[in-house]
């Protein structure tokens, strides 16, 4: 009898524990506990995650309060080099996928009425309109934000009077010649780090935005860097939990003075410039002219000038439909 009683008690507590665990996991599933960014190049992942977390979706935000469409629009305006962006929620993760390459051949807003606007200042080199109304022509000077292809389409009658106004998603290829300022510099003499190979580690636990370091060793080195690696706990691929561990590694180094020769300094700046030009080409940008010069000023080697390019310049921006009464008032 006593064993039967224990079995019943164990079963009741097991069911109770299971229900509490289920309720806890279900409660966690209602919130955002991780932000992931893909497709970034010029902007760092950490920069975007920090901005999104501070302005739009702090970790622990209710998923139902996250407006992905509004966030997409505002992020595109805040980061001028973003040509396409998509935000979606999977499990407890907010995933942001973006492209910094201007790719007008892709319809950015397939269902929403939209214009194609200029991502930067320039002079129109070519324009091909697949849908919408072209607003500019070749050799026109344009400013960032100017409408290039309008999603507003007017239908005229035989008397050339506006019969109807339609709103569509503008689509087309717009290329412009642009002048892009470039500047880079290098100290002729500087202090560098030489790592000794001596290290020590300690861990930090974090839960729902709070962190705890159970034990921090006494500082063993005069000069050292801390390298941290965070590991978040998750169930499956996208069900992140608000807890994890951070492994901190202290690496000792000695400081030594290093000096560049003028030849080596110019060579290093030229390598950086070459890498920058290659990255532009990978984005579909044609380099027309490189007006960057490198010269020494005091204890600095400075690369400064501009790079003239021909590049796809159009990005989509949703348009606001004119209320019917307002249109009738304008025609009157």
Protein backbone atom coordinates (compact mmCIF):
# COMPACT_ATOMS: atom_id res chain seq x y z
CA UNK A 1 0.00 0.00 0.00
CA UNK A 2 2.80 2.36 0.92
CA UNK A 3 4.57 1.70 -2.40
CA UNK A 4 1.30 2.35 -4.25
CA UNK A 5 0.94 5.65 -2.39
CA UNK A 6 4.49 6.67 -3.35
CA UNK A 7 3.83 5.80 -6.98
CA UNK A 8 0.70 7.99 -7.00
CA UNK A 9 2.55 10.88 -5.35
CA UNK A 10 5.43 10.57 -7.81
CA UNK A 11 3.00 10.49 -10.73
CA UNK A 12 1.19 13.60 -9.48
CA UNK A 13 4.43 15.52 -9.01
CA UNK A 14 5.65 14.34 -12.42
CA UNK A 15 2.48 15.63 -14.09
CA UNK A 16 2.71 18.87 -12.13
CA UNK A 17 6.36 19.34 -13.12
CA UNK A 18 5.59 18.57 -16.75
CA UNK A 19 2.77 21.13 -16.84
CA UNK A 20 4.95 23.80 -15.18
CA UNK A 21 7.77 23.09 -17.64
CA UNK A 22 5.35 23.22 -20.59
CA UNK A 23 3.84 26.51 -19.36
CA UNK A 24 7.34 27.96 -18.88
CA UNK A 25 8.47 27.01 -22.39
CA UNK A 26 5.22 28.25 -23.91
CA UNK A 27 5.62 31.56 -22.08
CA UNK A 28 9.17 31.94 -23.41
CA UNK A 29 7.94 31.19 -26.96
CA UNK A 30 5.92 34.42 -26.95
CA UNK A 31 9.03 36.62 -26.89
CA UNK A 32 12.05 37.48 -29.04
CA UNK A 33 15.26 36.13 -27.51
CA UNK A 34 17.68 36.33 -30.45
CA UNK A 35 18.37 38.61 -33.43
CA UNK A 36 20.24 37.27 -36.47
CA UNK A 37 21.50 39.30 -39.46
CA UNK A 38 22.54 37.87 -42.85
CA UNK A 39 23.80 39.47 -46.06
CA UNK A 40 25.63 42.39 -44.44
CA UNK A 41 28.90 43.61 -45.98
CA UNK A 42 29.66 47.28 -45.35
CA UNK A 43 27.64 47.34 -42.13
CA UNK A 44 28.72 44.98 -39.35
CA UNK A 45 26.34 42.41 -37.94
CA UNK A 46 26.98 43.72 -34.41
CA UNK A 47 26.16 47.29 -35.49
CA UNK A 48 22.80 46.32 -36.99
CA UNK A 49 21.86 44.01 -34.10
CA UNK A 50 22.69 46.73 -31.57
CA UNK A 51 20.64 49.34 -33.45
CA UNK A 52 17.63 47.04 -33.89
CA UNK A 53 17.80 45.97 -30.24
CA UNK A 54 17.97 49.55 -28.96
CA UNK A 55 15.41 51.17 -31.30
CA UNK A 56 12.93 48.50 -32.37
CA UNK A 57 13.13 45.10 -30.69
CA UNK A 58 14.89 44.85 -27.32
CA UNK A 59 15.48 41.22 -26.36
CA UNK A 60 12.42 40.01 -24.48
CA UNK A 61 9.95 41.92 -26.67
CA UNK A 62 6.58 40.30 -27.30
CA UNK A 63 6.47 38.86 -30.82
CA UNK A 64 2.97 40.19 -31.42
CA UNK A 65 4.23 43.75 -30.91
CA UNK A 66 6.92 43.47 -33.60
CA UNK A 67 5.92 45.13 -36.89
CA UNK A 68 8.34 43.69 -39.44
CA UNK A 69 7.04 45.77 -42.37
CA UNK A 70 7.51 49.09 -40.55
CA UNK A 71 10.94 48.02 -39.33
CA UNK A 72 12.01 47.08 -42.88
CA UNK A 73 11.01 50.49 -44.21
CA UNK A 74 12.74 52.44 -41.43
CA UNK A 75 15.93 50.33 -41.55
CA UNK A 76 16.15 50.93 -45.31
CA UNK A 77 15.95 54.67 -44.71
CA UNK A 78 18.45 54.61 -41.81
CA UNK A 79 21.06 52.54 -43.66
CA UNK A 80 21.37 54.23 -47.05
CA UNK A 81 23.32 51.40 -48.72
CA UNK A 82 20.61 48.79 -48.08
CA UNK A 83 18.79 48.02 -51.32
CA UNK A 84 16.68 45.08 -50.13
CA UNK A 85 15.72 43.87 -46.68
CA UNK A 86 13.44 41.22 -45.22
CA UNK A 87 12.55 40.65 -41.56
CA UNK A 88 10.74 37.60 -40.25
CA UNK A 89 10.17 35.84 -36.94
CA UNK A 90 10.96 32.14 -36.64
CA UNK A 91 10.50 30.55 -33.24
CA UNK A 92 11.96 33.08 -30.80
CA UNK A 93 14.40 34.53 -33.33
CA UNK A 94 14.06 37.72 -35.37
CA UNK A 95 15.93 37.12 -38.62
CA UNK A 96 16.99 40.06 -40.80
CA UNK A 97 18.22 39.33 -44.33
CA UNK A 98 19.53 42.24 -46.39
CA UNK A 99 21.41 43.16 -49.54
CA UNK A 100 23.70 46.14 -49.82
CA UNK A 101 24.11 45.62 -53.55
CA UNK A 102 21.73 47.83 -55.49
CA UNK A 103 19.70 45.27 -57.44
CA UNK A 104 16.82 47.02 -59.20
CA UNK A 105 16.06 43.98 -61.34
CA UNK A 106 14.49 42.43 -58.26
CA UNK A 107 11.06 43.67 -57.25
CA UNK A 108 11.54 44.84 -53.66
CA UNK A 109 7.93 45.54 -52.88
CA UNK A 110 5.96 43.04 -54.98
CA UNK A 111 2.52 43.73 -53.54
CA UNK A 112 2.76 47.25 -52.13
CA UNK A 113 2.61 50.27 -54.48
CA UNK A 114 6.10 51.75 -54.63
CA UNK A 115 8.36 54.25 -56.40
CA UNK A 116 11.98 53.70 -57.37
CA UNK A 117 14.06 56.50 -55.84
CA UNK A 118 17.73 57.50 -56.00
CA UNK A 119 20.03 55.98 -53.38
CA UNK A 120 22.56 58.81 -53.87
CA UNK A 121 23.39 61.90 -55.94
CA UNK A 122 24.47 61.42 -59.54
CA UNK A 123 23.87 61.87 -63.27
CA UNK A 124 21.58 59.44 -65.12
CA UNK A 125 23.45 57.19 -67.58
CA UNK A 126 20.63 54.86 -68.59
CA UNK A 127 17.06 54.01 -67.61
CA UNK A 128 14.88 51.07 -68.58
CA UNK A 129 11.31 51.07 -67.25
CA UNK A 130 9.42 47.80 -66.99
CA UNK A 131 6.49 49.14 -64.98
CA UNK A 132 5.59 52.58 -63.71
CA UNK A 133 6.18 56.08 -65.07
CA UNK A 134 9.77 57.26 -65.75
CA UNK A 135 10.40 60.66 -64.17
CA UNK A 136 14.02 61.26 -65.29
CA UNK A 137 15.98 60.89 -68.52
CA UNK A 138 19.60 60.34 -69.52
CA UNK A 139 22.04 63.08 -68.35
CA UNK A 140 19.59 64.43 -65.75
CA UNK A 141 21.27 65.44 -62.49
CA UNK A 142 19.54 63.80 -59.54
CA UNK A 143 19.75 64.03 -55.75
CA UNK A 144 19.43 61.28 -53.15
CA UNK A 145 15.73 60.56 -52.57
CA UNK A 146 14.54 61.87 -55.96
CA UNK A 147 11.88 59.73 -57.65
CA UNK A 148 13.32 57.98 -60.73
CA UNK A 149 10.40 55.76 -61.72
CA UNK A 150 7.00 56.55 -60.24
CA UNK A 151 4.53 53.88 -59.19
CA UNK A 152 1.71 56.32 -59.96
CA UNK A 153 0.30 55.63 -63.43
CA UNK A 154 -2.17 58.00 -65.12
CA UNK A 155 -4.66 56.76 -67.70
CA UNK A 156 -5.72 59.43 -70.20
CA UNK A 157 -8.69 59.73 -72.55
CA UNK A 158 -8.55 60.88 -76.16
CA UNK A 159 -8.57 64.53 -75.03
CA UNK A 160 -5.43 63.91 -72.98
CA UNK A 161 -7.35 64.36 -69.75
CA UNK A 162 -6.67 62.17 -66.72
CA UNK A 163 -9.32 59.48 -66.70
CA UNK A 164 -7.99 57.28 -63.91
CA UNK A 165 -5.02 57.00 -61.55
CA UNK A 166 -3.51 53.64 -60.71
CA UNK A 167 -0.84 52.72 -58.14
CA UNK A 168 1.59 49.89 -58.86
CA UNK A 169 5.02 48.60 -57.84
CA UNK A 170 7.49 50.47 -60.07
CA UNK A 171 10.16 48.31 -61.69
CA UNK A 172 13.16 49.11 -63.87
CA UNK A 173 16.93 49.51 -64.21
CA UNK A 174 18.42 52.93 -63.52
CA UNK A 175 22.17 53.52 -63.77
CA UNK A 176 23.88 56.76 -62.81
CA UNK A 177 27.37 58.22 -62.78
CA UNK A 178 28.30 59.09 -59.21
CA UNK A 179 31.26 60.64 -57.45
CA UNK A 180 32.16 58.87 -54.22
CA UNK A 181 34.58 60.51 -51.76
CA UNK A 182 37.35 58.25 -50.48
CA UNK A 183 39.75 58.82 -47.59
CA UNK A 184 42.10 56.53 -45.69
CA UNK A 185 45.15 57.17 -43.52
CA UNK A 186 48.00 55.36 -41.84
CA UNK A 187 50.25 56.38 -38.96
CA UNK A 188 53.92 56.15 -39.99
CA UNK A 189 54.81 55.02 -36.47
CA UNK A 190 52.55 53.23 -34.03
CA UNK A 191 52.50 50.82 -31.13
CA UNK A 192 51.65 47.20 -31.89
CA UNK A 193 50.82 44.22 -29.73
CA UNK A 194 53.00 41.13 -29.52
CA UNK A 195 51.16 38.28 -27.81
CA UNK A 196 53.18 36.13 -25.42
CA UNK A 197 50.93 33.06 -25.59
CA UNK A 198 50.03 33.27 -21.89
CA UNK A 199 46.27 33.03 -21.25
CA UNK A 200 43.63 32.28 -18.63
CA UNK A 201 39.85 31.79 -18.85
CA UNK A 202 36.69 32.39 -16.85
CA UNK A 203 32.97 32.13 -17.58
CA UNK A 204 29.96 34.47 -17.41
CA UNK A 205 26.37 33.23 -17.18
CA UNK A 206 23.49 35.32 -18.56
CA UNK A 207 19.72 35.04 -18.22
CA UNK A 208 17.05 37.39 -19.64
CA UNK A 209 19.47 40.26 -20.09
CA UNK A 210 21.18 39.80 -16.73
CA UNK A 211 24.72 38.43 -16.36
CA UNK A 212 26.64 36.80 -13.54
CA UNK A 213 30.35 35.95 -13.35
CA UNK A 214 30.70 33.40 -10.52
CA UNK A 215 34.46 33.81 -10.31
CA UNK A 216 36.83 36.37 -11.85
CA UNK A 217 40.52 35.53 -11.48
CA UNK A 218 42.88 38.23 -10.26
CA UNK A 219 44.62 40.13 -13.05
CA UNK A 220 47.78 38.19 -13.84
CA UNK A 221 49.11 40.35 -16.66
CA UNK A 222 49.97 44.03 -17.02
CA UNK A 223 48.65 44.22 -20.57
CA UNK A 224 46.05 41.84 -21.98
CA UNK A 225 43.03 41.53 -24.26
CA UNK A 226 39.77 39.80 -23.40
CA UNK A 227 38.30 37.62 -26.16
CA UNK A 228 34.77 36.41 -25.47
CA UNK A 229 32.67 33.72 -27.11
CA UNK A 230 28.94 33.56 -26.34
CA UNK A 231 26.90 30.40 -26.60
CA UNK A 232 23.12 30.69 -26.41
CA UNK A 233 20.95 27.76 -25.43
CA UNK A 234 18.21 26.77 -27.86
CA UNK A 235 15.69 24.05 -28.63
CA UNK A 236 15.95 23.13 -32.29
CA UNK A 237 17.23 25.67 -34.80
CA UNK A 238 15.20 28.81 -34.01
CA UNK A 239 13.76 28.33 -30.51
CA UNK A 240 16.34 30.35 -28.57
CA UNK A 241 16.15 30.53 -24.79
CA UNK A 242 17.02 33.65 -22.75
CA UNK A 243 20.00 32.00 -21.11
CA UNK A 244 23.50 31.02 -22.09
CA UNK A 245 27.18 31.12 -21.28
CA UNK A 246 30.06 33.36 -22.27
CA UNK A 247 33.63 32.07 -22.24
CA UNK A 248 36.12 34.87 -21.60
CA UNK A 249 39.78 34.42 -22.49
CA UNK A 250 42.53 36.82 -21.32
CA UNK A 251 45.53 36.98 -23.67
CA UNK A 252 48.75 38.67 -22.49
CA UNK A 253 50.71 40.95 -24.84
CA UNK A 254 53.71 43.30 -24.84
CA UNK A 255 53.63 46.70 -26.56
CA UNK A 256 56.31 47.42 -29.18
CA UNK A 257 56.88 50.44 -31.40
CA UNK A 258 56.67 49.84 -35.16
CA UNK A 259 57.57 52.24 -37.98
CA UNK A 260 56.56 52.11 -41.65
CA UNK A 261 58.83 53.20 -44.45
CA UNK A 262 57.13 55.57 -46.92
CA UNK A 263 57.18 52.82 -49.54
CA UNK A 264 55.52 50.27 -47.24
CA UNK A 265 52.94 52.80 -46.02
CA UNK A 266 51.94 53.67 -49.61
CA UNK A 267 51.84 49.99 -50.50
CA UNK A 268 49.49 49.22 -47.59
CA UNK A 269 47.13 52.11 -48.48
CA UNK A 270 47.14 51.01 -52.14
CA UNK A 271 46.20 47.49 -51.05
CA UNK A 272 43.28 48.86 -49.03
CA UNK A 273 42.16 50.98 -51.99
CA UNK A 274 42.41 48.00 -54.34
CA UNK A 275 40.30 45.89 -51.98
CA UNK A 276 37.69 48.67 -51.79
CA UNK A 277 37.51 48.89 -55.61
CA UNK A 278 37.13 45.11 -55.87
CA UNK A 279 34.26 45.18 -53.38
CA UNK A 280 32.54 47.85 -55.49
CA UNK A 281 32.93 45.73 -58.63
CA UNK A 282 31.41 42.75 -56.82
CA UNK A 283 28.34 44.91 -56.21
CA UNK A 284 27.92 45.53 -59.94
CA UNK A 285 29.65 48.92 -59.93
CA UNK A 286 31.71 50.06 -62.94
CA UNK A 287 34.80 52.09 -62.03
CA UNK A 288 35.08 55.05 -64.43
CA UNK A 289 37.87 57.05 -62.80
CA UNK A 290 40.09 56.73 -59.75
CA UNK A 291 41.06 60.20 -58.49
CA UNK A 292 42.67 59.07 -55.24
CA UNK A 293 46.18 60.30 -54.45
CA UNK A 294 48.51 59.19 -51.66
CA UNK A 295 50.94 61.54 -49.94
CA UNK A 296 52.70 62.01 -46.62
CA UNK A 297 51.56 64.70 -44.19
CA UNK A 298 53.58 65.00 -40.96
CA UNK A 299 53.54 61.54 -39.34
CA UNK A 300 50.67 60.33 -41.53
CA UNK A 301 50.37 58.76 -44.96
CA UNK A 302 47.00 59.87 -46.38
CA UNK A 303 44.99 58.54 -49.33
CA UNK A 304 42.33 61.06 -50.36
CA UNK A 305 40.21 61.84 -53.39
CA UNK A 306 37.14 60.51 -55.16
CA UNK A 307 36.08 57.48 -57.21
CA UNK A 308 33.77 58.06 -60.18
CA UNK A 309 31.50 55.11 -60.86
CA UNK A 310 28.53 54.01 -62.93
CA UNK A 311 26.22 51.94 -60.78
CA UNK A 312 22.62 50.85 -60.33
CA UNK A 313 21.14 53.58 -58.19
CA UNK A 314 17.44 52.79 -57.75
CA UNK A 315 15.86 51.52 -54.54
CA UNK A 316 12.19 50.93 -53.84
CA UNK A 317 10.18 53.07 -51.48
CA UNK A 318 6.49 52.58 -50.73
CA UNK A 319 4.24 55.38 -51.92
CA UNK A 320 1.16 56.85 -50.30
CA UNK A 321 -2.03 56.73 -52.31
CA UNK A 322 -3.81 60.06 -52.75
CA UNK A 323 -7.30 59.93 -51.21
CA UNK A 324 -10.06 60.01 -53.79
CA UNK A 325 -11.57 63.27 -52.49
CA UNK A 326 -8.19 64.99 -52.62
CA UNK A 327 -7.74 63.94 -56.25
CA UNK A 328 -11.17 65.23 -57.19
CA UNK A 329 -10.42 68.51 -55.43
CA UNK A 330 -7.18 68.92 -57.39
CA UNK A 331 -8.90 68.31 -60.71
CA UNK A 332 -11.52 70.88 -59.91
